[in-house]
N, C-alpha and C. Protein backbone atom coordinates (compact mmCIF):
# COMPACT_ATOMS: atom_id res chain seq x y z
N MET A 1 -15.25 -1.43 -9.69
CA MET A 1 -14.68 -2.54 -9.34
C MET A 1 -13.92 -3.38 -10.07
N LYS A 2 -14.24 -3.30 -11.47
CA LYS A 2 -13.36 -3.65 -12.59
C LYS A 2 -11.74 -3.76 -12.06
N PRO A 3 -11.23 -2.72 -12.31
CA PRO A 3 -9.82 -2.10 -12.08
C PRO A 3 -9.49 -3.16 -10.61
N ALA A 4 -10.01 -2.80 -9.67
CA ALA A 4 -9.41 -3.91 -8.63
C ALA A 4 -9.52 -5.55 -8.93
N TYR A 5 -10.82 -5.84 -9.32
CA TYR A 5 -10.57 -7.36 -9.76
C TYR A 5 -9.54 -7.54 -10.66
N ALA A 6 -9.24 -6.80 -11.46
CA ALA A 6 -8.01 -7.16 -12.94
C ALA A 6 -7.04 -7.29 -11.57
N ILE A 7 -6.64 -6.57 -10.56
CA ILE A 7 -5.35 -6.27 -10.04
C ILE A 7 -5.15 -7.82 -9.35
N ALA A 8 -6.00 -8.03 -8.43
CA ALA A 8 -6.34 -9.15 -7.76
C ALA A 8 -6.28 -10.59 -8.40
N VAL A 9 -7.39 -10.82 -9.23
CA VAL A 9 -7.50 -12.06 -10.12
C VAL A 9 -6.22 -11.73 -11.14
N GLY A 10 -6.04 -10.93 -11.98
CA GLY A 10 -5.05 -11.46 -12.95
C GLY A 10 -3.51 -10.78 -12.24
N GLY A 11 -4.01 -9.76 -11.53
CA GLY A 11 -1.79 -9.49 -11.33
C GLY A 11 -1.73 -10.69 -10.24
N TRP A 12 -2.24 -10.63 -9.30
CA TRP A 12 -1.67 -11.09 -7.81
C TRP A 12 -2.14 -13.11 -8.08
N GLY A 13 -3.04 -13.15 -8.88
CA GLY A 13 -3.40 -14.86 -8.69
C GLY A 13 -4.19 -15.11 -8.28
N MET A 14 -5.39 -14.13 -7.93
CA MET A 14 -6.24 -14.56 -6.59
C MET A 14 -7.22 -15.33 -7.45
N ALA A 15 -7.65 -16.21 -6.86
CA ALA A 15 -8.83 -16.77 -6.93
C ALA A 15 -10.06 -15.72 -6.85
N PRO A 16 -11.02 -15.82 -8.10
CA PRO A 16 -12.01 -15.14 -8.17
C PRO A 16 -13.26 -15.03 -6.85
N SER A 17 -13.01 -16.29 -6.26
CA SER A 17 -14.12 -16.61 -5.15
C SER A 17 -13.25 -16.02 -4.04
N GLU A 18 -12.17 -15.80 -3.92
CA GLU A 18 -11.26 -15.11 -3.04
C GLU A 18 -11.57 -13.73 -2.93
N PHE A 19 -11.37 -13.34 -4.17
CA PHE A 19 -11.61 -11.61 -4.19
C PHE A 19 -13.23 -11.20 -3.43
N TRP A 20 -13.96 -12.15 -4.34
CA TRP A 20 -15.26 -11.74 -3.97
C TRP A 20 -15.78 -12.20 -2.30
N GLY A 21 -14.81 -12.31 -1.72
CA GLY A 21 -14.83 -12.67 0.22
C GLY A 21 -14.52 -11.46 0.67
N LEU A 22 -13.70 -10.76 -0.01
CA LEU A 22 -12.61 -9.69 0.85
C LEU A 22 -13.54 -8.63 0.88
N THR A 23 -13.49 -8.05 1.99
CA THR A 23 -14.02 -6.78 2.35
C THR A 23 -13.44 -5.32 1.57
N PRO A 24 -13.62 -4.09 0.97
CA PRO A 24 -12.79 -3.37 0.84
C PRO A 24 -11.56 -2.87 1.56
N ALA A 25 -11.84 -2.97 2.97
CA ALA A 25 -10.58 -2.59 3.66
C ALA A 25 -9.24 -4.11 3.49
N GLU A 26 -10.20 -5.11 3.74
CA GLU A 26 -8.91 -6.08 3.36
C GLU A 26 -8.15 -6.18 1.73
N PHE A 27 -9.20 -5.36 1.01
CA PHE A 27 -8.51 -5.52 -0.60
C PHE A 27 -7.34 -4.47 -0.55
N TYR A 28 -7.53 -3.16 0.48
CA TYR A 28 -6.66 -2.38 0.02
C TYR A 28 -5.63 -2.43 1.29
N TRP A 29 -5.71 -3.15 2.30
CA TRP A 29 -5.00 -3.78 3.26
C TRP A 29 -3.69 -4.92 2.09
N ILE A 30 -4.03 -5.54 1.40
CA ILE A 30 -3.28 -6.54 0.25
C ILE A 30 -2.70 -5.03 -0.41
N LEU A 31 -3.39 -4.48 -0.78
CA LEU A 31 -2.59 -3.66 -2.24
C LEU A 31 -1.66 -2.90 -1.51
N ASP A 32 -1.92 -2.16 -0.23
CA ASP A 32 -0.71 -1.58 0.41
C ASP A 32 0.10 -2.33 0.56
N ALA A 33 0.18 -3.46 1.32
CA ALA A 33 1.10 -4.36 1.36
C ALA A 33 2.14 -4.99 0.50
N LYS A 34 1.33 -4.93 -1.13
CA LYS A 34 1.88 -5.37 -2.14
C LYS A 34 2.95 -4.40 -2.99
N LYS A 35 2.61 -2.91 -2.22
CA LYS A 35 3.43 -1.74 -3.51
C LYS A 35 4.45 -1.78 -2.81
N PRO A 36 5.35 -1.86 -3.94
CA PRO A 36 6.79 -1.52 -4.10
C PRO A 36 7.08 -0.18 -2.76
N VAL A 37 8.17 -0.19 -2.15
CA VAL A 37 8.68 0.74 -1.39
C VAL A 37 9.43 1.88 -2.03
N GLN A 38 8.98 3.17 -1.57
CA GLN A 38 9.39 4.17 -2.74
C GLN A 38 10.89 4.57 -1.79
N MET A 39 11.77 4.56 -3.22
CA MET A 39 13.40 5.01 -2.32
C MET A 39 13.70 6.24 -2.75
N TYR A 40 14.30 6.71 -1.62
CA TYR A 40 14.69 8.44 -2.02
C TYR A 40 16.28 8.24 -1.80
N GLY A 41 16.89 7.94 -2.60
CA GLY A 41 18.59 7.46 -2.74
C GLY A 41 18.74 6.18 -1.87
N ARG A 42 19.22 6.20 -0.58
CA ARG A 42 19.47 4.68 -0.37
C ARG A 42 18.25 4.60 0.70
N MET A 43 17.55 5.73 1.25
CA MET A 43 16.72 5.66 2.34
C MET A 43 15.00 5.22 2.01
N SER A 44 14.40 4.48 2.52
CA SER A 44 13.02 4.02 2.29
C SER A 44 12.13 5.44 2.67
N GLU A 45 10.98 5.37 1.94
CA GLU A 45 10.10 6.44 2.33
C GLU A 45 9.72 6.19 3.73
N TYR A 46 9.99 5.04 4.14
CA TYR A 46 9.90 4.72 6.13
C TYR A 46 10.73 5.57 6.81
N GLU A 47 12.03 5.65 6.48
CA GLU A 47 12.90 6.16 6.78
C GLU A 47 12.97 7.58 6.91
N VAL A 48 12.68 8.30 5.85
CA VAL A 48 12.72 9.12 5.47
C VAL A 48 11.22 9.92 6.29
N ASP A 49 10.41 8.96 6.20
CA ASP A 49 9.42 9.73 7.17
C ASP A 49 9.47 9.41 8.69
N GLU A 50 10.24 8.93 9.10
CA GLU A 50 10.83 8.83 10.49
C GLU A 50 11.57 10.16 10.89
N ILE A 51 12.75 10.49 9.86
CA ILE A 51 13.51 11.58 10.30
C ILE A 51 12.97 12.67 10.41
N TYR A 52 11.82 12.81 9.24
CA TYR A 52 10.80 13.99 9.02
C TYR A 52 10.29 14.04 10.63
N GLN A 53 9.45 12.87 11.26
CA GLN A 53 8.43 13.02 12.30
C GLN A 53 9.31 13.71 13.13
N ASP A 54 10.57 12.78 13.24
CA ASP A 54 11.93 13.70 14.33
C ASP A 54 11.80 15.13 14.55
N ALA A 55 12.20 15.45 13.32
CA ALA A 55 12.78 16.75 13.03
C ALA A 55 11.65 17.97 13.37
N TYR A 56 10.37 17.62 12.53
CA TYR A 56 9.22 18.39 12.55
C TYR A 56 8.01 18.37 13.38
N GLY A 57 7.45 16.88 13.59
CA GLY A 57 6.63 16.17 14.21
C GLY A 57 5.15 15.90 13.52
N GLU A 58 4.49 15.27 13.67
CA GLU A 58 3.40 15.25 12.36
C GLU A 58 2.12 16.46 12.60
N GLU A 59 2.07 17.50 13.39
CA GLU A 59 1.48 18.74 13.01
C GLU A 59 1.81 19.09 11.38
N ALA A 60 3.40 19.31 11.43
CA ALA A 60 3.92 20.08 10.08
C ALA A 60 3.53 19.48 9.05
N GLN A 61 3.17 18.30 8.64
CA GLN A 61 2.64 17.87 7.58
C GLN A 61 1.12 18.33 7.15
N SER A 62 0.39 18.87 7.94
CA SER A 62 -0.98 19.55 7.88
C SER A 62 -0.72 20.52 6.97
C-alpha cells in the first residue's frame, strides 16, 4: 500500500483523502492512464499491437 500511496500523493499530487477514497481498480486505471506510451521507432505500442493483431490474431499471443 505504501508504494501506491507514494505514487498517488507524492508523485501525482493527489490529496490523501482522495487516495483513500479510491478502489484498487480506480487506482490502477489512473496508473495505466498516466503511463507513458512505449515507442518502437516512430510507432506507438498501440500501433504495433494493431499491426500484430491484424497479422496474427489474438490467439497468437498465448
